[in-house]
Amino acid sequence: MVQRVAVIGAGVSGLASVKCCLDEGLEPTCFERSEDIGGVWRYTDSTDGRRVCVYRSVITNTSKEMSCFSDFPCPDDFPSFLPHSLLLEYFRMYAQHFNLLQHIRFKTTALSVRKRPDFATSGQWEVVTETDGIQESHVFDAVMVCTGHYQEPYLPLACFPGIDTCFKGQYLHSQAYRNMEAFQGKRVLVVGIGNTGGDLSVELSRVAAKVFLSAKSSTWVFSRVSDHGFPFDMVNTTRLNHFLGWLLPSALMKKIMFRKFNSWFNHKNYGLASTKSSNFRVIINEEELPFCLLSGTVVLKPNVKEFTESSAVFEDGTTEENIDVVLFATGYSFSFPFLEESVRSLFDDNRSLYKRIFPPQLEKPTLAIIGLVQLTGSVMVGAEMQARWVTGIFAGWNKLPPASRMMADVLKKKPPAKRNPSERENLKISFISYTDEIASCAGVKPSVLRLLLTDPWLALAVFFGPCTPYQYRLV
């Protein structure tokens, strides 16, 4: 029977996991290698290379009502979209309210997580940690890995000939970026047009002599704010829209989406995307990026073909000279170096995990990977839902199906990987689809039909209104 649970990491997923363990009467011990909670959301000026964190100007892309923990709403006086400092304050309030800090061991690194010799019968793990140079061995009944997927900066230098052999300027990954002061008066090339690439291009345009933004795929840009000033995610993340997405042909839904994006500005005129795009991505930056492109402070370029000593040659044959800095906004790869190889080899990404959480081949389901998923909404909500289900299984009142059924489910849902594992595409999944799926497993998915019989007005709000985390506390 599971009682003692090791939680590795005290970021969003780790805090939710500790809290859910306590809800189920379990005994969690959280190991956090830094000196504080918050994970990537705790900003520091340090760029020591070991720790990934947000840059100074980051604001959440999802609104507070769609991002908070389901049993702990954000304060009313907080803005709809939180700067990283306010989000960290919210985490502190959450940890204090539920007395989580006493279960966290700070400045403690998990060196190894290995199956005990009797794992096939006990399901126990040996966890070796290090604090101030002193190693310690522990035995736990279960382990929740909460280190997320922003772990190892992905820097694909081999895809850019000349960058590390010919180019004389500076190049760095966005993980090392903290603020714009160091780029004053420089000609900067940003490689990658995800949310980070778009944000940094706009920010750097305020101080750099010139900013070039290299994108290898069509990009649709939308705003945090929708019609009538409401947060975009609250207006669009509804069960009605989710149902229509399931009911209507994908080509029609794509056409509706493109029309909505173009209602803000015509993407084709800016060289960003066309309605005929088959390979595209969606980012949030409608407020400033279009103006920067229109004013020429940011120049959109195609994918880089190669680098020379001081210039970048692009796939359309154009060249930009006198590049001072290349900033790679190329994402991250996840890794679990503390897991023993026999366990780590069981999954190449989260699609090899049952419900994106459990390695199905283990003799005992006492290892859970929490937060290794990129939802179309807030990962906080998904991580909390995962933790609620997992701790219910650890507590014994919920069960997993046989290993054969779990493997069949994994194989059925695992499509071919796209491009490379560093890109978040292989981790991405629909917000409502996934949270509803895990909520069903945990027995907390709200039933609209049942609510129609007991509380019709609430049923209508659940179906037509925003799919907030609070819905998963109705059962």
Protein backbone atom coordinates (compact mmCIF):
# COMPACT_ATOMS: atom_id res chain seq x y z
CA MET A 1 0.00 0.00 0.00
CA VAL A 2 1.28 3.47 -0.91
CA GLN A 3 1.89 5.85 1.98
CA ARG A 4 5.17 7.73 1.50
CA VAL A 5 5.41 9.62 -1.81
CA ALA A 6 8.44 11.40 -3.25
CA VAL A 7 7.61 14.50 -5.29
CA ILE A 8 10.48 15.79 -7.43
CA GLY A 9 10.22 19.50 -8.17
CA ALA A 10 8.32 22.32 -6.44
CA GLY A 11 6.99 24.13 -9.47
CA VAL A 12 3.37 24.20 -10.60
CA SER A 13 3.08 20.41 -10.89
CA GLY A 14 4.99 19.73 -7.68
CA LEU A 15 2.85 22.05 -5.56
CA ALA A 16 -0.36 20.51 -6.93
CA SER A 17 1.02 17.02 -6.33
CA VAL A 18 1.96 17.71 -2.70
CA LYS A 19 -1.46 19.19 -2.05
CA CYS A 20 -3.29 16.26 -3.67
CA CYS A 21 -1.19 13.78 -1.68
CA LEU A 22 -2.27 15.51 1.52
CA ASP A 23 -5.90 15.44 0.38
CA GLU A 24 -5.66 11.65 0.10
CA GLY A 25 -3.96 11.15 3.47
CA LEU A 26 -0.58 10.33 1.92
CA GLU A 27 2.80 11.51 3.22
CA PRO A 28 4.57 13.56 0.53
CA THR A 29 8.18 14.70 0.62
CA CYS A 30 9.04 17.17 -2.12
CA PHE A 31 12.65 17.64 -3.25
CA GLU A 32 13.43 21.01 -4.85
CA ARG A 33 16.98 21.71 -5.98
CA SER A 34 16.63 25.51 -5.76
CA GLU A 35 15.91 27.60 -2.69
CA ASP A 36 12.26 28.43 -3.43
CA ILE A 37 9.03 27.31 -5.07
CA GLY A 38 7.72 28.34 -8.48
CA GLY A 39 9.86 26.43 -10.97
CA VAL A 40 10.27 28.30 -14.27
CA TRP A 41 7.95 31.05 -13.02
CA ARG A 42 10.42 32.26 -10.40
CA TYR A 43 12.50 34.88 -12.16
CA THR A 44 16.17 35.36 -11.30
CA ASP A 45 18.88 37.41 -12.98
CA SER A 46 21.23 34.44 -12.80
CA THR A 47 21.99 32.53 -16.01
CA ASP A 48 24.08 29.77 -14.45
CA GLY A 49 22.79 27.28 -17.02
CA ARG A 50 21.29 24.81 -14.55
CA ARG A 51 17.99 26.54 -14.00
CA VAL A 52 15.43 27.58 -16.59
CA CYS A 53 13.21 30.54 -15.75
CA VAL A 54 11.05 33.14 -17.46
CA TYR A 55 12.53 36.39 -18.73
CA ARG A 56 11.78 39.63 -16.91
CA SER A 57 8.85 40.86 -19.02
CA VAL A 58 6.81 37.65 -19.20
CA ILE A 59 3.03 37.82 -18.74
CA THR A 60 0.81 34.73 -18.77
CA ASN A 61 -0.87 33.83 -22.05
CA THR A 62 -3.88 32.31 -20.31
CA SER A 63 -6.21 34.32 -18.08
CA LYS A 64 -6.29 33.87 -14.32
CA GLU A 65 -9.76 32.29 -14.23
CA MET A 66 -8.67 29.66 -16.77
CA SER A 67 -5.30 29.01 -15.13
CA CYS A 68 -5.82 28.80 -11.38
CA PHE A 69 -6.04 25.71 -9.23
CA SER A 70 -9.59 24.41 -9.09
CA ASP A 71 -10.05 24.92 -5.35
CA PHE A 72 -8.08 28.15 -4.96
CA PRO A 73 -9.25 31.08 -7.14
CA CYS A 74 -6.92 33.97 -7.88
CA PRO A 75 -7.62 37.10 -5.82
CA ASP A 76 -10.22 39.44 -7.31
CA ASP A 77 -7.77 42.34 -7.39
CA PHE A 78 -5.30 40.44 -9.57
CA PRO A 79 -5.39 41.42 -13.28
CA SER A 80 -6.78 39.00 -15.85
CA PHE A 81 -3.29 38.21 -17.18
CA LEU A 82 -0.59 37.90 -14.55
CA PRO A 83 3.02 39.10 -14.70
CA HIS A 84 5.33 36.35 -13.50
CA SER A 85 5.80 38.11 -10.16
CA LEU A 86 2.06 37.99 -9.40
CA LEU A 87 1.79 34.39 -10.51
CA LEU A 88 4.61 33.49 -8.13
CA GLU A 89 2.78 35.40 -5.39
CA TYR A 90 -0.31 33.30 -6.15
CA PHE A 91 1.78 30.12 -5.76
CA ARG A 92 3.03 31.36 -2.39
CA MET A 93 -0.54 32.03 -1.26
CA TYR A 94 -1.55 28.53 -2.40
CA ALA A 95 1.39 26.89 -0.60
CA GLN A 96 0.74 28.85 2.58
CA HIS A 97 -3.03 28.24 2.58
CA PHE A 98 -2.62 24.47 2.29
CA ASN A 99 0.52 24.24 4.47
CA LEU A 100 2.67 22.79 1.69
CA LEU A 101 6.04 24.33 2.55
CA GLN A 102 6.64 22.05 5.52
CA HIS A 103 6.68 19.10 3.11
CA ILE A 104 9.31 20.60 0.77
CA ARG A 105 13.06 20.13 1.18
CA PHE A 106 14.78 23.01 -0.60
CA LYS A 107 18.31 23.02 -2.02
CA THR A 108 17.99 19.26 -2.38
CA THR A 109 18.74 17.56 -5.69
CA ALA A 110 17.36 14.17 -6.66
CA LEU A 111 20.42 12.29 -7.92
CA SER A 112 18.82 8.95 -8.68
CA VAL A 113 15.47 7.19 -8.59
CA ARG A 114 15.82 3.41 -8.82
CA LYS A 115 13.50 0.47 -8.38
CA ARG A 116 14.05 -1.48 -5.18
CA PRO A 117 15.13 -5.13 -5.62
CA ASP A 118 11.66 -6.27 -4.55
CA PHE A 119 9.87 -3.75 -6.79
CA ALA A 120 7.77 -6.41 -8.53
CA THR A 121 5.98 -7.05 -5.24
CA SER A 122 6.46 -3.85 -3.22
CA GLY A 123 6.48 -1.18 -5.95
CA GLN A 124 8.97 0.77 -3.85
CA TRP A 125 11.69 3.15 -5.04
CA GLU A 126 15.09 4.11 -3.68
CA VAL A 127 15.67 7.85 -4.03
CA VAL A 128 19.14 9.29 -3.49
CA THR A 129 19.29 13.04 -2.83
CA GLU A 130 22.03 15.55 -2.15
CA THR A 131 21.86 18.58 0.15
CA ASP A 132 24.91 20.79 0.71
CA GLY A 133 27.17 18.04 -0.63
CA ILE A 134 25.74 15.37 1.67
CA GLN A 135 24.01 12.43 0.01
CA GLU A 136 21.10 10.63 1.59
CA SER A 137 19.13 7.54 0.59
CA HIS A 138 15.36 7.24 1.06
CA VAL A 139 12.75 4.57 0.39
CA PHE A 140 9.38 5.66 -0.99
CA ASP A 141 6.25 3.76 -1.90
CA ALA A 142 5.67 5.95 -4.97
CA VAL A 143 7.30 8.76 -6.95
CA MET A 144 5.73 11.73 -8.74
CA VAL A 145 8.14 13.37 -11.19
CA CYS A 146 7.17 17.04 -11.51
CA THR A 147 10.08 18.57 -13.41
CA GLY A 148 8.01 19.57 -16.45
CA HIS A 149 9.22 19.89 -20.02
CA TYR A 150 11.25 23.13 -19.82
CA GLN A 151 14.45 21.38 -18.82
CA GLU A 152 17.14 21.23 -21.49
CA PRO A 153 17.45 24.15 -23.96
CA TYR A 154 17.19 22.78 -27.49
CA LEU A 155 19.90 24.35 -29.62
CA PRO A 156 19.92 22.66 -33.06
CA LEU A 157 23.24 24.04 -34.29
CA ALA A 158 23.60 21.24 -36.85
CA CYS A 159 20.56 22.63 -38.68
CA PHE A 160 22.32 25.96 -39.21
CA PRO A 161 25.63 25.42 -41.05
CA GLY A 162 28.33 27.88 -40.08
CA ILE A 163 26.82 29.10 -36.83
CA ASP A 164 29.48 27.45 -34.65
CA THR A 165 32.32 27.38 -37.19
CA CYS A 166 32.19 30.57 -39.28
CA PHE A 167 29.97 33.05 -37.46
CA LYS A 168 32.01 35.57 -35.44
CA GLY A 169 29.14 37.15 -33.58
CA GLN A 170 27.38 35.95 -30.45
CA TYR A 171 24.72 33.26 -30.38
CA LEU A 172 22.65 32.08 -27.43
CA HIS A 173 19.46 30.26 -26.52
CA SER A 174 16.48 32.22 -25.20
CA GLN A 175 17.00 30.37 -21.89
CA ALA A 176 19.91 32.75 -21.25
CA TYR A 177 17.83 35.86 -22.05
CA ARG A 178 16.70 37.97 -19.09
CA ASN A 179 16.26 41.54 -20.36
CA MET A 180 16.91 43.70 -23.39
CA GLU A 181 19.65 46.02 -22.08
CA ALA A 182 22.51 43.88 -23.38
CA PHE A 183 21.20 44.18 -26.95
CA GLN A 184 21.25 47.98 -27.15
CA GLY A 185 22.15 49.17 -30.66
CA LYS A 186 22.81 45.69 -32.04
CA ARG A 187 21.50 43.90 -35.12
CA VAL A 188 19.73 40.83 -33.78
CA LEU A 189 18.41 37.74 -35.53
CA VAL A 190 15.76 35.80 -33.61
CA VAL A 191 15.37 32.22 -34.84
CA GLY A 192 11.96 30.70 -34.10
CA ILE A 193 8.52 32.28 -34.08
CA GLY A 194 6.76 30.65 -31.18
CA ASN A 195 5.38 32.70 -28.31
CA THR A 196 8.89 33.35 -27.03
CA GLY A 197 10.32 34.32 -30.41
CA GLY A 198 7.46 36.72 -31.07
CA ASP A 199 7.69 38.30 -27.62
CA LEU A 200 11.46 38.74 -27.71
CA SER A 201 11.42 40.23 -31.21
CA VAL A 202 8.97 42.90 -30.09
CA GLU A 203 10.89 43.60 -26.89
CA LEU A 204 14.27 43.81 -28.60
CA SER A 205 12.92 46.15 -31.28
CA ARG A 206 12.77 48.88 -28.62
CA VAL A 207 16.55 48.95 -28.13
CA ALA A 208 18.19 47.05 -31.01
CA ALA A 209 19.35 48.73 -34.19
CA LYS A 210 17.41 46.10 -36.17
CA VAL A 211 15.60 42.86 -35.40
CA PHE A 212 15.11 40.03 -37.89
CA LEU A 213 12.66 37.25 -37.07
CA SER A 214 13.24 33.95 -38.86
CA ALA A 215 10.26 31.59 -39.25
CA LYS A 216 10.22 28.28 -41.08
CA SER A 217 6.44 27.82 -41.05
CA SER A 218 3.30 29.91 -41.45
CA THR A 219 2.25 31.61 -38.24
CA TRP A 220 -1.14 32.82 -37.09
CA VAL A 221 -1.10 35.48 -34.41
CA PHE A 222 -3.99 36.14 -32.08
CA SER A 223 -4.67 38.35 -29.11
CA ARG A 224 -5.13 37.67 -25.42
CA VAL A 225 -8.22 39.89 -25.65
CA SER A 226 -11.33 38.88 -27.58
CA ASP A 227 -14.50 40.73 -28.52
CA HIS A 228 -15.88 43.23 -26.02
CA GLY A 229 -12.65 43.13 -24.01
CA PHE A 230 -13.03 39.64 -22.56
CA PRO A 231 -10.02 37.29 -22.31
CA PHE A 232 -9.81 35.25 -25.51
CA ASP A 233 -9.49 31.92 -23.72
CA MET A 234 -12.60 32.52 -21.61
CA VAL A 235 -14.67 33.30 -24.70
CA ASN A 236 -13.40 30.44 -26.84
CA THR A 237 -12.61 27.61 -24.42
CA THR A 238 -16.17 26.35 -23.98
CA ARG A 239 -17.79 22.95 -24.15
CA LEU A 240 -20.00 24.26 -26.95
CA ASN A 241 -16.99 25.10 -29.11
CA HIS A 242 -15.38 21.79 -28.18
CA PHE A 243 -18.53 19.96 -29.27
CA LEU A 244 -18.65 21.89 -32.56
CA GLY A 245 -15.01 21.01 -33.16
CA TRP A 246 -15.89 17.34 -32.78
CA LEU A 247 -19.08 17.63 -34.86
CA LEU A 248 -17.95 19.75 -37.82
CA PRO A 249 -15.37 18.78 -40.47
CA SER A 250 -11.83 19.85 -39.61
CA ALA A 251 -11.54 21.82 -42.87
CA LEU A 252 -14.56 23.91 -41.92
CA MET A 253 -13.27 24.51 -38.38
CA LYS A 254 -9.90 25.58 -39.80
CA LYS A 255 -11.65 28.00 -42.16
CA ILE A 256 -13.60 29.51 -39.26
CA MET A 257 -10.40 29.83 -37.21
CA PHE A 258 -8.49 31.50 -40.06
CA ARG A 259 -11.34 33.95 -40.62
CA LYS A 260 -11.30 34.88 -36.94
CA PHE A 261 -7.54 35.43 -36.95
CA ASN A 262 -7.76 37.55 -40.11
CA SER A 263 -10.50 39.68 -38.57
CA TRP A 264 -7.76 41.29 -36.46
CA PHE A 265 -5.40 41.80 -39.39
CA ASN A 266 -4.73 40.14 -42.74
CA HIS A 267 -1.86 37.76 -42.04
CA LYS A 268 -0.99 37.35 -45.72
CA ASN A 269 -0.30 41.07 -46.05
CA TYR A 270 2.28 40.78 -43.27
CA GLY A 271 3.92 37.68 -44.73
CA LEU A 272 2.90 35.60 -41.73
CA ALA A 273 0.38 33.07 -43.00
CA SER A 274 -2.11 32.23 -45.72
CA THR A 275 -5.47 30.52 -45.49
CA LYS A 276 -3.94 27.85 -47.75
CA SER A 277 -1.29 27.01 -45.15
CA SER A 278 -1.09 23.31 -44.37
CA ASN A 279 1.84 23.55 -41.94
CA PHE A 280 1.28 26.35 -39.45
CA ARG A 281 1.47 27.33 -35.81
CA VAL A 282 -0.49 29.71 -33.60
CA ILE A 283 1.09 32.21 -31.22
CA ILE A 284 -0.19 34.95 -28.90
CA ASN A 285 1.11 38.44 -29.70
CA GLU A 286 -1.51 40.35 -31.67
CA GLU A 287 -1.03 43.47 -29.60
CA GLU A 288 2.44 44.52 -30.83
CA LEU A 289 4.01 42.18 -33.38
CA PRO A 290 1.90 43.33 -36.38
CA PHE A 291 2.79 46.98 -35.70
CA CYS A 292 6.49 46.12 -35.43
CA LEU A 293 6.32 44.33 -38.77
CA LEU A 294 4.44 47.23 -40.34
CA SER A 295 6.88 49.82 -39.00
CA GLY A 296 9.93 47.79 -40.02
CA THR A 297 11.39 47.55 -36.53
CA VAL A 298 11.01 43.77 -36.90
CA VAL A 299 11.68 42.22 -40.31
CA LEU A 300 10.22 38.80 -41.03
CA LYS A 301 12.56 36.36 -42.75
CA PRO A 302 12.29 32.72 -43.87
CA ASN A 303 14.33 29.88 -42.43
CA VAL A 304 18.10 30.35 -42.23
CA LYS A 305 20.09 28.39 -44.80
CA GLU A 306 23.57 29.12 -43.44
CA PHE A 307 25.75 31.59 -41.57
CA THR A 308 28.94 33.30 -42.71
CA GLU A 309 31.33 35.32 -40.54
CA SER A 310 28.92 38.20 -40.04
CA SER A 311 25.79 37.46 -42.06
CA ALA A 312 22.83 35.11 -42.33
CA VAL A 313 21.79 33.60 -45.65
CA PHE A 314 18.12 32.65 -45.89
CA GLU A 315 16.33 29.99 -47.90
CA ASP A 316 14.78 32.57 -50.24
CA GLY A 317 18.28 33.64 -51.32
CA THR A 318 18.37 36.90 -49.38
CA THR A 319 21.21 37.83 -47.03
CA GLU A 320 21.33 40.06 -43.99
CA GLU A 321 24.75 41.49 -43.22
CA ASN A 322 26.42 42.57 -39.98
CA ILE A 323 24.45 40.36 -37.62
CA ASP A 324 25.74 40.91 -34.08
CA VAL A 325 23.65 38.41 -32.12
CA VAL A 326 21.64 35.30 -32.99
CA LEU A 327 19.00 34.44 -30.41
CA PHE A 328 17.59 30.92 -30.72
CA ALA A 329 13.99 30.67 -29.51
CA THR A 330 13.92 26.99 -30.43
CA GLY A 331 12.31 25.48 -27.39
CA TYR A 332 13.34 22.80 -24.94
CA SER A 333 13.83 19.06 -24.64
CA PHE A 334 12.77 17.18 -21.54
CA SER A 335 14.99 14.72 -19.72
CA PHE A 336 14.97 12.71 -16.52
CA PRO A 337 18.65 11.99 -15.79
CA PHE A 338 17.85 10.84 -12.25
CA LEU A 339 15.66 7.95 -13.45
CA GLU A 340 17.48 4.66 -13.93
CA GLU A 341 18.00 3.74 -17.58
CA SER A 342 15.69 0.72 -17.50
CA VAL A 343 12.83 3.05 -16.55
CA ARG A 344 13.84 6.02 -18.67
CA SER A 345 13.96 3.85 -21.78
CA LEU A 346 10.29 2.97 -21.41
CA PHE A 347 9.16 6.30 -22.86
CA ASP A 348 10.68 8.52 -25.53
CA ASP A 349 8.08 11.22 -24.96
CA ASN A 350 4.77 11.54 -23.14
CA ARG A 351 2.89 9.75 -25.92
CA SER A 352 4.48 6.50 -24.72
CA LEU A 353 2.87 6.99 -21.31
CA TYR A 354 -0.62 5.83 -20.42
CA LYS A 355 -2.76 8.98 -20.35
CA ARG A 356 0.54 10.89 -20.68
CA ILE A 357 1.37 9.94 -17.08
CA PHE A 358 2.13 6.26 -16.36
CA PRO A 359 4.79 4.00 -17.95
CA PRO A 360 2.48 1.03 -18.63
CA GLN A 361 5.27 -1.58 -18.61
CA LEU A 362 6.10 -1.22 -14.91
CA GLU A 363 5.08 -4.11 -12.67
CA LYS A 364 3.54 -1.67 -10.19
CA PRO A 365 2.00 1.72 -11.13
CA THR A 366 3.94 3.70 -8.55
CA LEU A 367 5.73 6.12 -10.89
CA ALA A 368 3.82 9.07 -12.35
CA ILE A 369 5.12 11.81 -14.65
CA ILE A 370 3.14 14.96 -13.86
CA GLY A 371 2.98 18.04 -16.09
CA LEU A 372 4.74 16.57 -19.14
CA VAL A 373 1.99 17.78 -21.43
CA GLN A 374 1.48 20.91 -23.51
CA LEU A 375 -2.20 21.74 -23.47
CA THR A 376 -3.94 24.28 -25.69
CA GLY A 377 -4.92 25.89 -22.38
CA SER A 378 -3.21 26.21 -19.02
CA VAL A 379 -0.82 23.43 -18.01
CA MET A 380 -1.59 24.23 -14.35
CA VAL A 381 -5.11 22.90 -14.73
CA GLY A 382 -3.92 19.76 -16.49
CA ALA A 383 -1.18 19.09 -13.93
CA GLU A 384 -3.60 19.45 -11.03
CA MET A 385 -6.05 17.07 -12.69
CA GLN A 386 -3.28 14.55 -13.26
CA ALA A 387 -2.23 14.81 -9.61
CA ARG A 388 -5.81 14.32 -8.39
CA TRP A 389 -6.17 11.13 -10.42
CA VAL A 390 -2.72 9.77 -9.58
CA THR A 391 -3.05 10.29 -5.83
CA GLY A 392 -6.45 8.59 -5.93
CA ILE A 393 -4.73 5.56 -7.46
CA PHE A 394 -1.94 5.68 -4.88
CA ALA A 395 -4.55 5.91 -2.10
CA GLY A 396 -6.21 2.75 -3.41
CA TRP A 397 -9.74 3.96 -4.16
CA ASN A 398 -9.05 4.26 -7.90
CA LYS A 399 -7.53 1.63 -10.16
CA LEU A 400 -5.64 1.40 -13.43
CA PRO A 401 -6.63 -1.14 -16.10
CA PRO A 402 -4.37 -4.14 -16.82
CA ALA A 403 -1.03 -3.43 -18.49
CA SER A 404 -2.20 -4.98 -21.77
CA ARG A 405 -5.10 -2.54 -22.01
CA MET A 406 -2.87 0.40 -21.13
CA MET A 407 -0.36 -0.58 -23.83
CA ALA A 408 -3.16 -0.95 -26.38
CA ASP A 409 -4.43 2.52 -25.49
CA VAL A 410 -0.95 4.01 -25.87
CA LEU A 411 -0.40 2.41 -29.28
CA LYS A 412 -3.84 3.47 -30.48
CA LYS A 413 -3.30 7.12 -29.58
CA LYS A 414 0.35 7.46 -30.57
CA PRO A 415 0.67 9.02 -34.05
CA PRO A 416 4.04 9.44 -35.78
CA ALA A 417 6.24 12.06 -34.14
CA LYS A 418 6.38 15.42 -35.86
CA ARG A 419 9.74 16.85 -36.88
CA ASN A 420 11.86 16.59 -33.71
CA PRO A 421 11.22 15.92 -30.02
CA SER A 422 12.28 19.40 -28.94
CA GLU A 423 9.22 20.97 -30.43
CA ARG A 424 6.18 21.10 -28.23
CA GLU A 425 4.01 19.70 -31.02
CA ASN A 426 4.61 16.13 -29.82
CA LEU A 427 3.48 17.09 -26.32
CA LYS A 428 0.48 19.16 -27.41
CA ILE A 429 -3.09 18.07 -26.84
CA SER A 430 -6.54 19.67 -26.64
CA PHE A 431 -7.24 21.30 -23.27
CA ILE A 432 -10.85 20.20 -22.81
CA SER A 433 -10.33 16.77 -24.39
CA TYR A 434 -7.46 15.92 -22.08
CA THR A 435 -8.75 17.41 -18.83
CA ASP A 436 -12.13 15.75 -19.39
CA GLU A 437 -10.41 12.43 -20.10
CA ILE A 438 -8.41 12.54 -16.88
CA ALA A 439 -11.38 13.91 -14.94
CA SER A 440 -13.43 10.91 -16.11
CA CYS A 441 -10.71 8.58 -14.84
CA ALA A 442 -10.69 10.45 -11.52
CA GLY A 443 -14.49 10.45 -11.30
CA VAL A 444 -14.78 14.25 -11.25
CA LYS A 445 -15.97 15.11 -14.77
CA PRO A 446 -19.18 17.16 -14.63
CA SER A 447 -22.18 15.66 -16.43
CA VAL A 448 -24.14 18.29 -18.34
CA LEU A 449 -27.08 15.93 -18.81
CA ARG A 450 -27.26 15.15 -15.09
CA LEU A 451 -27.02 18.83 -14.25
CA LEU A 452 -29.90 19.57 -16.62
CA LEU A 453 -32.09 17.46 -14.35
CA THR A 454 -30.84 18.87 -11.06
CA ASP A 455 -29.72 22.44 -11.84
CA PRO A 456 -30.58 23.54 -15.42
CA TRP A 457 -29.06 27.00 -15.11
CA LEU A 458 -25.77 25.55 -13.90
CA ALA A 459 -25.85 23.03 -16.76
CA LEU A 460 -26.21 25.85 -19.29
CA ALA A 461 -23.34 27.75 -17.67
CA VAL A 462 -21.13 24.65 -17.79
CA PHE A 463 -21.89 23.98 -21.46
CA PHE A 464 -22.02 27.49 -22.92
CA GLY A 465 -19.71 29.31 -20.52
CA PRO A 466 -15.92 29.14 -20.16
CA CYS A 467 -14.58 25.73 -19.16
CA THR A 468 -12.93 26.94 -15.97
CA PRO A 469 -11.07 24.66 -13.53
CA TYR A 470 -13.93 25.13 -11.06
CA GLN A 471 -16.13 22.86 -13.17
CA TYR A 472 -14.06 19.91 -11.97
CA ARG A 473 -15.10 20.57 -8.36
CA LEU A 474 -18.82 20.14 -9.07
CA VAL A 475 -18.68 16.35 -8.59
